[in-house]
Structure formats: structure tokens, C-alpha cells
Amino acid sequence: MVFTAGAVAAVLLAVVRALIAVLRGQPVDRSRIILLHGMLAGLSLTVAATLLRLLITRDWQGIGMTASILLLRTILKQVLRWEERQLERGEASPPAPPHAKVISPSGPPPGG
């Protein structure tokens, strides 16, 4: 329970920090990095809670379920770390494909 509350607090703190960064005019990628750090911190706490739960699990079905949850969280953590590396290199936001229509708030472009 303590780990879950800590995970929620880490993510909420990251959301607040990211919103403050956006309101101060920092790049959106900077806010995404802040969010990723908070998500990784929260995920680390939930992985720790899962490992502790594994220690008290006594039947094979519970061990299998806990191990599968741990595996999924570990995979998610690796994906988030990959995204973080991409953001830090500036490669996370690819340009829109040429066939994609971008509509401005004032409406479609003239003649389009």
C-alpha cells in the first residue's frame, strides 16, 4: 500500500512539474521528459511492491500471476526508458508524413 501511494505521488508530482514547465514556455519535449521520469519512478515503486508480494506468495498460481505482472511492468519500464533516450536525443517527434493534413485554428488553407 505504501509503495502504491508513493507511485501515485511520484506520477502526480511529475504531472504538476510538467504543467509548470509548459506554462513557463519550456519546450514540450522537456515536459515529456519530466513526465517520463515521474512515470519511471512510479513504475519502479510498483515493481518493488510486486517483488515484495512475490516473497509472501505461497501457491504456484499466485507466483505465476505475480511473475507475469512483474514481466509486463519490466517491459513497460524498458519502453519508457527507450522513449526517454529518444527524447533526449531529439528524435521522439518525427515530422508529420507528407500526406497528412494540418489544419490551422483559422481553418483550412485557401485553395486546399
Protein backbone atom coordinates (compact mmCIF):
# COMPACT_ATOMS: atom_id res chain seq x y z
CA MET A 1 0.00 0.00 0.00
CA VAL A 2 2.83 2.39 0.84
CA PHE A 3 4.55 1.64 -2.47
CA THR A 4 1.34 2.28 -4.38
CA ALA A 5 0.81 5.62 -2.64
CA GLY A 6 4.42 6.53 -3.38
CA ALA A 7 3.98 5.60 -7.04
CA VAL A 8 0.86 7.74 -7.34
CA ALA A 9 2.62 10.63 -5.60
CA ALA A 10 5.62 10.37 -7.94
CA VAL A 11 3.42 10.48 -11.03
CA LEU A 12 1.26 13.34 -9.72
CA LEU A 13 4.33 15.36 -8.82
CA ALA A 14 5.71 14.80 -12.31
CA VAL A 15 2.42 15.93 -13.86
CA VAL A 16 2.48 19.13 -11.83
CA ARG A 17 6.14 19.77 -12.71
CA ALA A 18 5.44 19.16 -16.41
CA LEU A 19 2.47 21.54 -16.39
CA ILE A 20 4.58 24.21 -14.72
CA ALA A 21 7.28 23.70 -17.35
CA VAL A 22 4.75 24.12 -20.18
CA LEU A 23 3.24 27.22 -18.57
CA ARG A 24 6.72 28.73 -18.28
CA GLY A 25 7.19 28.28 -22.02
CA GLN A 26 9.68 25.42 -21.96
CA PRO A 27 9.66 23.01 -24.91
CA VAL A 28 7.05 20.27 -24.87
CA ASP A 29 9.77 17.62 -25.12
CA ARG A 30 11.15 18.89 -21.79
CA SER A 31 7.73 18.33 -20.21
CA ARG A 32 7.58 14.86 -21.72
CA ILE A 33 10.95 14.04 -20.16
CA ILE A 34 9.70 15.26 -16.77
CA LEU A 35 6.62 13.06 -17.14
CA LEU A 36 8.74 10.07 -18.15
CA HIS A 37 10.95 10.47 -15.08
CA GLY A 38 7.88 10.53 -12.84
CA MET A 39 6.37 7.51 -14.57
CA LEU A 40 9.64 5.60 -14.25
CA ALA A 41 9.87 6.44 -10.55
CA GLY A 42 6.28 5.31 -10.00
CA LEU A 43 6.84 2.16 -12.02
CA SER A 44 9.98 1.35 -10.02
CA LEU A 45 7.96 1.56 -6.82
CA THR A 46 5.25 -0.73 -8.19
CA VAL A 47 7.91 -3.22 -9.34
CA ALA A 48 9.35 -3.19 -5.81
CA ALA A 49 5.86 -3.82 -4.40
CA THR A 50 5.38 -6.72 -6.82
CA LEU A 51 8.69 -8.25 -5.76
CA LEU A 52 7.70 -7.99 -2.10
CA ARG A 53 4.34 -9.58 -2.89
CA LEU A 54 6.21 -12.42 -4.60
CA LEU A 55 8.03 -13.14 -1.33
CA ILE A 56 4.77 -13.88 0.52
CA THR A 57 3.01 -15.75 -2.29
CA ARG A 58 2.69 -19.44 -1.46
CA ASP A 59 0.92 -21.15 -4.34
CA TRP A 60 2.12 -21.63 -7.91
CA GLN A 61 -0.82 -19.79 -9.44
CA GLY A 62 -0.05 -16.69 -7.36
CA ILE A 63 3.63 -16.93 -8.22
CA GLY A 64 2.82 -17.19 -11.93
CA MET A 65 0.45 -14.22 -11.79
CA THR A 66 2.93 -12.09 -9.87
CA ALA A 67 5.76 -13.06 -12.21
CA SER A 68 3.70 -12.16 -15.27
CA ILE A 69 2.80 -8.77 -13.77
CA LEU A 70 6.47 -8.21 -12.99
CA LEU A 71 7.42 -9.11 -16.57
CA LEU A 72 4.87 -6.71 -18.05
CA ARG A 73 6.00 -3.88 -15.78
CA THR A 74 9.62 -4.54 -16.67
CA ILE A 75 8.82 -4.43 -20.40
CA LEU A 76 6.89 -1.19 -19.91
CA LYS A 77 9.81 0.28 -17.99
CA GLN A 78 12.20 -0.57 -20.83
CA VAL A 79 9.86 1.05 -23.37
CA LEU A 80 9.69 4.20 -21.25
CA ARG A 81 13.48 4.29 -20.96
CA TRP A 82 13.75 3.93 -24.75
CA GLU A 83 11.32 6.83 -25.20
CA GLU A 84 13.36 8.88 -22.73
CA ARG A 85 16.57 8.28 -24.70
CA GLN A 86 14.79 9.25 -27.93
CA LEU A 87 13.52 12.47 -26.36
CA GLU A 88 16.94 13.38 -25.01
CA ARG A 89 18.42 12.92 -28.48
CA GLY A 90 15.62 14.97 -30.00
CA GLU A 91 14.31 12.10 -32.13
CA ALA A 92 10.98 11.36 -30.47
CA SER A 93 8.75 13.66 -32.51
CA PRO A 94 9.05 12.70 -36.16
CA PRO A 95 7.65 15.17 -38.69
CA ALA A 96 4.15 14.59 -39.99
CA PRO A 97 4.00 12.47 -43.14
CA PRO A 98 3.62 14.47 -46.36
CA HIS A 99 0.08 13.20 -46.95
CA ALA A 100 -1.13 14.34 -43.51
CA LYS A 101 -3.35 17.42 -43.49
CA VAL A 102 -2.55 20.03 -40.89
CA ILE A 103 -5.50 22.31 -40.20
CA SER A 104 -4.78 25.59 -38.51
CA PRO A 105 -7.19 27.11 -35.98
CA SER A 106 -8.30 29.65 -38.61
CA GLY A 107 -9.49 26.86 -40.92
CA PRO A 108 -8.15 25.08 -43.99
CA PRO A 109 -5.66 26.88 -46.23
CA PRO A 110 -7.08 28.78 -49.20
CA GLY A 111 -7.39 26.67 -52.31
CA GLY A 112 -6.99 23.45 -50.30
